[in-house]
Amino acid sequence: MVTIIHGRIQGGVVIPDAPLDMPDGLEVEVQITARDVPGPSELNSGSNIESLFGIWRDRGDMADSTAWVRKQRDEWQNRLLQSPD
């Protein structure tokens, strides 16, 4: 059973925002995610993703990105085909 609750840390203890409908003594596993940390959707939003465009524009070895990808794939394939020493 998975139940998501929201709460706060107070004195090192998690205080839920609402009463829990669970019996006393029930063993649970707790995963804590801070809500003020940007989530995946926020990290992929407008200004953040736009800052990544052109990130490799100054790399001479990637001037032709298609050729670079082909070269990388050829090297991967060669490693797979080589016998271990």
Protein backbone atom coordinates (compact mmCIF):
# COMPACT_ATOMS: atom_id res chain seq x y z
CA MET A 1 0.00 0.00 0.00
CA VAL A 2 1.34 3.46 -0.91
CA THR A 3 0.05 6.60 0.75
CA ILE A 4 1.45 10.06 0.11
CA ILE A 5 1.16 12.52 2.97
CA HIS A 6 2.35 16.08 3.37
CA GLY A 7 3.83 17.44 6.55
CA ARG A 8 6.64 19.35 8.20
CA ILE A 9 9.80 18.53 10.08
CA GLN A 10 9.67 19.81 13.65
CA GLY A 11 12.42 18.95 16.10
CA GLY A 12 13.63 16.14 13.83
CA VAL A 13 10.17 14.54 13.70
CA VAL A 14 7.79 14.45 10.71
CA ILE A 15 4.48 16.06 11.66
CA PRO A 16 1.76 15.21 9.09
CA ASP A 17 -0.61 17.98 7.97
CA ALA A 18 -3.61 15.71 8.60
CA PRO A 19 -4.31 12.72 10.86
CA LEU A 20 -3.21 9.37 9.42
CA ASP A 21 -5.81 6.65 9.08
CA MET A 22 -3.35 3.90 10.02
CA PRO A 23 -3.13 1.66 13.06
CA ASP A 24 -0.57 2.32 15.79
CA GLY A 25 2.49 0.10 15.50
CA LEU A 26 2.24 -0.24 11.71
CA GLU A 27 5.75 -0.44 10.26
CA VAL A 28 6.24 2.01 7.38
CA GLU A 29 8.98 3.17 5.06
CA VAL A 30 9.36 6.94 4.78
CA GLN A 31 10.74 8.76 1.74
CA ILE A 32 11.22 12.49 2.25
CA THR A 33 11.16 14.95 -0.65
CA ALA A 34 11.60 18.62 0.21
CA ARG A 35 8.82 20.57 -1.49
CA ASP A 36 10.87 23.76 -1.99
CA VAL A 37 13.35 21.92 -4.23
CA PRO A 38 12.47 22.29 -7.93
CA GLY A 39 10.86 19.17 -9.35
CA PRO A 40 11.50 17.73 -12.83
CA SER A 41 8.75 19.80 -14.46
CA GLU A 42 10.21 23.01 -13.02
CA LEU A 43 13.75 22.09 -14.13
CA ASN A 44 12.51 21.52 -17.69
CA SER A 45 10.55 24.74 -17.87
CA GLY A 46 11.25 27.65 -20.21
CA SER A 47 14.23 29.64 -18.98
CA ASN A 48 16.08 26.67 -17.50
CA ILE A 49 15.97 24.53 -20.65
CA GLU A 50 16.73 27.49 -22.89
CA SER A 51 20.01 28.04 -21.07
CA LEU A 52 21.22 24.70 -22.43
CA PHE A 53 20.92 25.63 -26.10
CA GLY A 54 24.34 26.13 -27.66
CA ILE A 55 26.14 24.59 -24.70
CA TRP A 56 28.66 22.85 -26.99
CA ARG A 57 28.95 25.52 -29.69
CA ASP A 58 32.63 26.19 -28.93
CA ARG A 59 33.74 22.56 -29.19
CA GLY A 60 35.72 22.10 -32.37
CA ASP A 61 35.32 18.31 -32.31
CA MET A 62 31.53 18.74 -32.46
CA ALA A 63 31.31 21.29 -35.28
CA ASP A 64 29.49 18.65 -37.35
CA SER A 65 27.26 17.02 -34.74
CA THR A 66 26.08 14.25 -37.09
CA ALA A 67 29.66 13.20 -37.87
CA TRP A 68 30.52 13.33 -34.17
CA VAL A 69 27.63 11.01 -33.27
CA ARG A 70 28.57 8.56 -36.04
CA LYS A 71 32.17 8.48 -34.80
CA GLN A 72 31.03 7.84 -31.22
CA ARG A 73 28.72 5.01 -32.31
CA ASP A 74 31.50 3.44 -34.40
CA GLU A 75 33.79 3.49 -31.35
CA TRP A 76 31.07 1.90 -29.20
CA GLN A 77 30.55 -0.81 -31.79
CA ASN A 78 34.31 -1.47 -32.04
CA ARG A 79 34.54 -1.90 -28.26
CA LEU A 80 31.72 -4.42 -28.36
CA LEU A 81 33.37 -6.42 -31.12
CA GLN A 82 36.86 -6.49 -29.57
CA SER A 83 37.75 -9.63 -27.66
CA PRO A 84 38.83 -9.20 -24.03
CA ASP A 85 42.58 -9.55 -23.43
